[in-house]
N, C-alpha and C. Protein backbone atom coordinates (compact mmCIF):
# COMPACT_ATOMS: atom_id res chain seq x y z
N MET A 1 8.23 9.09 7.72
CA MET A 1 8.18 9.01 6.27
C MET A 1 7.28 10.12 5.76
N ASN A 2 7.70 10.73 4.67
CA ASN A 2 6.86 11.74 4.04
C ASN A 2 6.43 11.23 2.66
N ILE A 3 5.68 12.01 1.93
CA ILE A 3 5.12 11.57 0.66
C ILE A 3 6.21 11.24 -0.36
N GLU A 4 7.27 12.01 -0.39
CA GLU A 4 8.35 11.74 -1.35
C GLU A 4 9.07 10.44 -1.00
N GLU A 5 9.29 10.19 0.28
CA GLU A 5 9.92 8.94 0.70
C GLU A 5 9.02 7.75 0.37
N LEU A 6 7.72 7.92 0.57
CA LEU A 6 6.77 6.86 0.21
C LEU A 6 6.86 6.58 -1.28
N ARG A 7 6.84 7.62 -2.06
CA ARG A 7 6.89 7.50 -3.52
C ARG A 7 8.16 6.78 -3.96
N GLU A 8 9.30 7.21 -3.45
CA GLU A 8 10.57 6.59 -3.80
C GLU A 8 10.60 5.12 -3.39
N TYR A 9 10.09 4.82 -2.20
CA TYR A 9 10.10 3.45 -1.70
C TYR A 9 9.24 2.54 -2.58
N CYS A 10 8.06 3.01 -2.93
CA CYS A 10 7.16 2.20 -3.77
C CYS A 10 7.71 2.03 -5.18
N LEU A 11 8.21 3.10 -5.77
CA LEU A 11 8.71 3.03 -7.14
C LEU A 11 10.00 2.21 -7.27
N ALA A 12 10.69 1.98 -6.17
CA ALA A 12 11.90 1.16 -6.19
C ALA A 12 11.60 -0.33 -6.33
N LYS A 13 10.35 -0.70 -6.12
CA LYS A 13 9.96 -2.10 -6.24
C LYS A 13 9.78 -2.47 -7.70
N LYS A 14 10.05 -3.72 -8.01
CA LYS A 14 9.98 -4.20 -9.40
C LYS A 14 8.58 -4.06 -9.98
N GLY A 15 8.52 -3.46 -11.18
CA GLY A 15 7.28 -3.40 -11.93
C GLY A 15 6.25 -2.39 -11.46
N VAL A 16 6.63 -1.50 -10.56
CA VAL A 16 5.67 -0.55 -9.98
C VAL A 16 5.51 0.68 -10.87
N THR A 17 4.25 1.08 -11.03
CA THR A 17 3.92 2.32 -11.73
C THR A 17 3.09 3.19 -10.80
N GLU A 18 3.03 4.47 -11.10
CA GLU A 18 2.21 5.39 -10.33
C GLU A 18 1.25 6.10 -11.27
N SER A 19 0.07 6.43 -10.76
CA SER A 19 -0.90 7.14 -11.58
C SER A 19 -1.93 7.81 -10.69
N PHE A 20 -2.80 8.58 -11.32
CA PHE A 20 -3.91 9.24 -10.66
C PHE A 20 -5.21 8.79 -11.35
N PRO A 21 -5.62 7.53 -11.20
CA PRO A 21 -6.77 7.01 -11.95
C PRO A 21 -8.13 7.52 -11.47
N PHE A 22 -8.21 8.00 -10.24
CA PHE A 22 -9.51 8.38 -9.67
C PHE A 22 -9.77 9.88 -9.74
N ASP A 23 -8.75 10.65 -9.42
CA ASP A 23 -8.85 12.11 -9.43
C ASP A 23 -7.44 12.68 -9.43
N GLU A 24 -7.33 13.99 -9.32
CA GLU A 24 -6.00 14.60 -9.40
C GLU A 24 -5.22 14.60 -8.09
N THR A 25 -5.81 14.06 -7.00
CA THR A 25 -5.09 14.05 -5.73
C THR A 25 -4.82 12.65 -5.17
N THR A 26 -5.45 11.62 -5.70
CA THR A 26 -5.26 10.27 -5.19
C THR A 26 -4.17 9.56 -5.99
N LEU A 27 -3.00 9.46 -5.36
CA LEU A 27 -1.85 8.81 -5.97
C LEU A 27 -1.92 7.31 -5.72
N VAL A 28 -1.87 6.53 -6.80
CA VAL A 28 -2.01 5.08 -6.72
C VAL A 28 -0.74 4.42 -7.25
N PHE A 29 -0.25 3.45 -6.48
CA PHE A 29 0.89 2.65 -6.91
C PHE A 29 0.38 1.27 -7.26
N LYS A 30 0.79 0.79 -8.45
CA LYS A 30 0.34 -0.51 -8.95
C LYS A 30 1.53 -1.36 -9.35
N VAL A 31 1.32 -2.68 -9.25
CA VAL A 31 2.26 -3.63 -9.80
C VAL A 31 1.46 -4.50 -10.76
N ALA A 32 1.92 -4.59 -11.99
CA ALA A 32 1.22 -5.34 -13.04
C ALA A 32 -0.25 -4.91 -13.14
N GLY A 33 -0.50 -3.62 -12.98
CA GLY A 33 -1.84 -3.08 -13.12
C GLY A 33 -2.75 -3.26 -11.92
N LYS A 34 -2.24 -3.81 -10.83
CA LYS A 34 -3.03 -4.05 -9.62
C LYS A 34 -2.57 -3.13 -8.50
N MET A 35 -3.52 -2.47 -7.85
CA MET A 35 -3.20 -1.53 -6.78
C MET A 35 -2.67 -2.24 -5.54
N PHE A 36 -1.63 -1.65 -4.94
CA PHE A 36 -1.16 -2.15 -3.65
C PHE A 36 -0.97 -1.02 -2.63
N CYS A 37 -0.99 0.23 -3.09
CA CYS A 37 -0.79 1.36 -2.18
C CYS A 37 -1.45 2.60 -2.77
N LEU A 38 -2.20 3.33 -1.93
CA LEU A 38 -2.86 4.56 -2.34
C LEU A 38 -2.64 5.62 -1.27
N THR A 39 -2.59 6.86 -1.70
CA THR A 39 -2.55 7.97 -0.75
C THR A 39 -3.21 9.18 -1.40
N ASP A 40 -3.81 10.02 -0.59
CA ASP A 40 -4.44 11.24 -1.10
C ASP A 40 -3.53 12.41 -0.76
N LEU A 41 -3.09 13.11 -1.78
CA LEU A 41 -2.15 14.21 -1.59
C LEU A 41 -2.79 15.44 -0.96
N ALA A 42 -4.11 15.52 -0.97
CA ALA A 42 -4.80 16.70 -0.46
C ALA A 42 -5.17 16.60 1.02
N ASP A 43 -5.25 15.38 1.55
CA ASP A 43 -5.66 15.18 2.94
C ASP A 43 -4.45 14.97 3.84
N ASP A 44 -4.73 14.76 5.14
CA ASP A 44 -3.66 14.38 6.06
C ASP A 44 -3.00 13.12 5.51
N PHE A 45 -1.71 12.99 5.75
CA PHE A 45 -0.94 11.88 5.17
C PHE A 45 -1.40 10.55 5.75
N ALA A 46 -1.99 9.74 4.89
CA ALA A 46 -2.42 8.39 5.24
C ALA A 46 -2.23 7.52 4.00
N VAL A 47 -2.04 6.23 4.23
CA VAL A 47 -1.76 5.30 3.15
C VAL A 47 -2.71 4.12 3.25
N ALA A 48 -3.35 3.76 2.15
CA ALA A 48 -4.19 2.57 2.10
C ALA A 48 -3.35 1.40 1.60
N LEU A 49 -3.36 0.31 2.36
CA LEU A 49 -2.54 -0.86 2.05
C LEU A 49 -3.35 -2.14 2.22
N LYS A 50 -3.05 -3.11 1.41
CA LYS A 50 -3.76 -4.39 1.45
C LYS A 50 -3.02 -5.36 2.38
N ASN A 51 -3.80 -6.19 3.08
CA ASN A 51 -3.22 -7.25 3.89
C ASN A 51 -4.28 -8.32 4.07
N ASP A 52 -3.90 -9.45 4.67
CA ASP A 52 -4.91 -10.49 4.85
C ASP A 52 -5.86 -10.08 5.99
N PRO A 53 -7.11 -10.53 5.94
CA PRO A 53 -8.12 -10.08 6.89
C PRO A 53 -7.75 -10.27 8.35
N GLU A 54 -7.16 -11.39 8.71
CA GLU A 54 -6.79 -11.62 10.12
C GLU A 54 -5.73 -10.64 10.58
N LYS A 55 -4.74 -10.43 9.73
CA LYS A 55 -3.67 -9.48 10.07
C LYS A 55 -4.23 -8.07 10.19
N ASN A 56 -5.18 -7.71 9.32
CA ASN A 56 -5.80 -6.38 9.39
C ASN A 56 -6.48 -6.17 10.73
N MET A 57 -7.20 -7.17 11.20
CA MET A 57 -7.88 -7.04 12.50
C MET A 57 -6.86 -6.85 13.63
N GLU A 58 -5.79 -7.62 13.60
CA GLU A 58 -4.74 -7.50 14.62
C GLU A 58 -4.13 -6.10 14.62
N LEU A 59 -3.82 -5.60 13.42
CA LEU A 59 -3.21 -4.27 13.32
C LEU A 59 -4.15 -3.19 13.85
N ARG A 60 -5.43 -3.30 13.53
CA ARG A 60 -6.40 -2.30 13.99
C ARG A 60 -6.55 -2.32 15.51
N GLU A 61 -6.48 -3.51 16.09
CA GLU A 61 -6.59 -3.63 17.56
C GLU A 61 -5.34 -3.10 18.25
N GLN A 62 -4.19 -3.28 17.61
CA GLN A 62 -2.92 -2.94 18.22
C GLN A 62 -2.52 -1.47 18.04
N PHE A 63 -2.91 -0.88 16.90
CA PHE A 63 -2.45 0.48 16.58
C PHE A 63 -3.63 1.39 16.26
N PRO A 64 -3.84 2.45 17.04
CA PRO A 64 -4.93 3.38 16.77
C PRO A 64 -4.83 4.08 15.41
N ALA A 65 -3.63 4.17 14.85
CA ALA A 65 -3.44 4.83 13.55
C ALA A 65 -3.84 3.94 12.37
N VAL A 66 -4.15 2.67 12.65
CA VAL A 66 -4.57 1.74 11.60
C VAL A 66 -6.08 1.57 11.68
N LYS A 67 -6.73 1.92 10.59
CA LYS A 67 -8.20 1.90 10.54
C LYS A 67 -8.65 1.11 9.31
N PRO A 68 -9.91 0.70 9.28
CA PRO A 68 -10.41 0.03 8.07
C PRO A 68 -10.22 0.94 6.84
N GLY A 69 -9.93 0.32 5.72
CA GLY A 69 -9.64 1.06 4.49
C GLY A 69 -10.76 2.00 4.09
N TYR A 70 -10.42 3.27 3.94
CA TYR A 70 -11.39 4.30 3.55
C TYR A 70 -11.74 4.11 2.07
N HIS A 71 -13.00 3.96 1.75
CA HIS A 71 -13.49 3.72 0.39
C HIS A 71 -12.90 2.44 -0.24
N MET A 72 -12.50 1.49 0.60
CA MET A 72 -11.91 0.25 0.12
C MET A 72 -12.65 -0.92 0.79
N ASN A 73 -12.38 -2.13 0.32
CA ASN A 73 -12.91 -3.32 0.98
C ASN A 73 -12.29 -3.39 2.37
N LYS A 74 -13.07 -3.17 3.39
CA LYS A 74 -12.56 -3.03 4.75
C LYS A 74 -12.00 -4.33 5.32
N GLN A 75 -12.33 -5.43 4.71
CA GLN A 75 -11.79 -6.70 5.15
C GLN A 75 -10.33 -6.86 4.69
N HIS A 76 -10.03 -6.36 3.51
CA HIS A 76 -8.71 -6.57 2.91
C HIS A 76 -7.79 -5.35 2.94
N TRP A 77 -8.34 -4.17 3.22
CA TRP A 77 -7.54 -2.94 3.15
C TRP A 77 -7.59 -2.19 4.48
N ASN A 78 -6.46 -1.60 4.83
CA ASN A 78 -6.36 -0.70 5.98
C ASN A 78 -5.94 0.68 5.49
N THR A 79 -6.37 1.69 6.21
CA THR A 79 -5.82 3.03 6.05
C THR A 79 -4.90 3.26 7.24
N VAL A 80 -3.65 3.56 6.95
CA VAL A 80 -2.65 3.79 7.99
C VAL A 80 -2.36 5.28 8.04
N GLU A 81 -2.72 5.91 9.13
CA GLU A 81 -2.45 7.34 9.32
C GLU A 81 -0.98 7.49 9.68
N VAL A 82 -0.27 8.26 8.88
CA VAL A 82 1.15 8.47 9.11
C VAL A 82 1.27 9.70 10.02
N ASP A 83 1.13 9.44 11.31
CA ASP A 83 1.05 10.53 12.29
C ASP A 83 2.18 10.49 13.32
N GLY A 84 3.19 9.66 13.08
CA GLY A 84 4.29 9.56 14.02
C GLY A 84 4.17 8.40 14.98
N THR A 85 2.99 7.79 15.07
CA THR A 85 2.84 6.63 15.96
C THR A 85 3.20 5.33 15.24
N ILE A 86 3.20 5.36 13.91
CA ILE A 86 3.64 4.22 13.12
C ILE A 86 5.03 4.57 12.59
N TYR A 87 6.01 3.79 12.99
CA TYR A 87 7.39 4.07 12.60
C TYR A 87 7.62 3.71 11.13
N ASP A 88 8.60 4.36 10.53
CA ASP A 88 8.93 4.13 9.13
C ASP A 88 9.18 2.66 8.83
N LYS A 89 9.89 2.00 9.74
CA LYS A 89 10.22 0.58 9.54
C LYS A 89 8.94 -0.25 9.42
N MET A 90 7.97 0.02 10.27
CA MET A 90 6.71 -0.72 10.23
C MET A 90 5.92 -0.38 8.97
N LEU A 91 5.89 0.89 8.61
CA LEU A 91 5.17 1.30 7.41
C LEU A 91 5.78 0.63 6.17
N LYS A 92 7.09 0.57 6.11
CA LYS A 92 7.75 -0.10 5.00
C LYS A 92 7.39 -1.59 4.97
N GLN A 93 7.33 -2.19 6.14
CA GLN A 93 6.96 -3.61 6.23
C GLN A 93 5.53 -3.81 5.72
N LEU A 94 4.62 -2.93 6.08
CA LEU A 94 3.24 -3.03 5.61
C LEU A 94 3.15 -2.81 4.09
N ILE A 95 3.94 -1.90 3.56
CA ILE A 95 4.00 -1.69 2.11
C ILE A 95 4.51 -2.96 1.44
N ASP A 96 5.57 -3.53 1.99
CA ASP A 96 6.14 -4.76 1.43
C ASP A 96 5.11 -5.89 1.43
N GLU A 97 4.36 -6.02 2.51
CA GLU A 97 3.34 -7.07 2.60
C GLU A 97 2.24 -6.86 1.57
N SER A 98 1.81 -5.62 1.40
CA SER A 98 0.77 -5.31 0.42
C SER A 98 1.25 -5.65 -0.99
N TYR A 99 2.47 -5.25 -1.30
CA TYR A 99 3.08 -5.55 -2.60
C TYR A 99 3.15 -7.07 -2.81
N ARG A 100 3.64 -7.79 -1.81
CA ARG A 100 3.80 -9.24 -1.91
C ARG A 100 2.47 -9.94 -2.13
N ILE A 101 1.43 -9.50 -1.43
CA ILE A 101 0.10 -10.11 -1.59
C ILE A 101 -0.37 -9.98 -3.04
N ILE A 102 -0.17 -8.81 -3.62
CA ILE A 102 -0.57 -8.61 -5.01
C ILE A 102 0.27 -9.46 -5.95
N VAL A 103 1.57 -9.44 -5.78
CA VAL A 103 2.46 -10.21 -6.65
C VAL A 103 2.16 -11.70 -6.56
N ASP A 104 1.92 -12.19 -5.36
CA ASP A 104 1.64 -13.63 -5.18
C ASP A 104 0.39 -14.08 -5.91
N LYS A 105 -0.54 -13.17 -6.18
CA LYS A 105 -1.78 -13.53 -6.87
C LYS A 105 -1.70 -13.35 -8.38
N LEU A 106 -0.57 -12.84 -8.87
CA LEU A 106 -0.41 -12.67 -10.31
C LEU A 106 -0.18 -14.02 -10.98
N LEU A 107 -0.44 -14.06 -12.26
CA LEU A 107 -0.15 -15.27 -13.03
C LEU A 107 1.35 -15.59 -12.94
N LYS A 108 1.67 -16.87 -12.97
CA LYS A 108 3.06 -17.30 -12.85
C LYS A 108 3.95 -16.60 -13.88
N LYS A 109 3.48 -16.49 -15.09
CA LYS A 109 4.25 -15.85 -16.16
C LYS A 109 4.57 -14.39 -15.81
N VAL A 110 3.61 -13.68 -15.27
CA VAL A 110 3.80 -12.27 -14.90
C VAL A 110 4.78 -12.17 -13.73
N ARG A 111 4.65 -13.06 -12.73
CA ARG A 111 5.59 -13.07 -11.60
C ARG A 111 7.02 -13.30 -12.08
N GLU A 112 7.18 -14.23 -13.02
CA GLU A 112 8.51 -14.51 -13.55
C GLU A 112 9.07 -13.31 -14.30
N GLU A 113 8.23 -12.62 -15.05
CA GLU A 113 8.66 -11.41 -15.76
C GLU A 113 9.13 -10.34 -14.78
N LEU A 114 8.41 -10.19 -13.67
CA LEU A 114 8.80 -9.23 -12.64
C LEU A 114 10.16 -9.58 -12.04
N GLN A 115 10.37 -10.85 -11.77
CA GLN A 115 11.63 -11.28 -11.17
C GLN A 115 12.81 -11.03 -12.09
N ASN A 116 12.58 -11.05 -13.39
CA ASN A 116 13.65 -10.87 -14.36
C ASN A 116 13.93 -9.40 -14.70
N LYS A 117 13.18 -8.48 -14.09
CA LYS A 117 13.40 -7.05 -14.36
C LYS A 117 14.57 -6.53 -13.56
C-alpha cells in the first residue's frame, strides 16, 4: 500500500474527512471529528492507528513493524511501519478496526447518521 491507496481506502469509509490539523505534513483522517488514522507525508511511510490495549500488545509482540504510537497514547495507539512486512490486507484490517473503535464510541444519533450516508 502506498500513501494514495491509504488515502483512497480511508476516504471511502462513511463520514471520513482528511485534514492537516497539526502541521503541513501530518495527514489525519477523522470520522465525526475523531481521529482514527494518521500518517506523516515527510517521513518513512508509517500509519498511526487505534486499537484496544490488549490487541496492541499482541500486535507489537507478533510484528516488528508495529510499535507503540509515536506522539500518541501508547496504550491505545500503534504506529505501523509500512515496510513490506505488513501486508495490505492486514493494514486494511487494522484501519477498519481503528475506524470501528471510533464509530462504536460515537453517540447513537451520530452512528445512525453515518449509517444513512
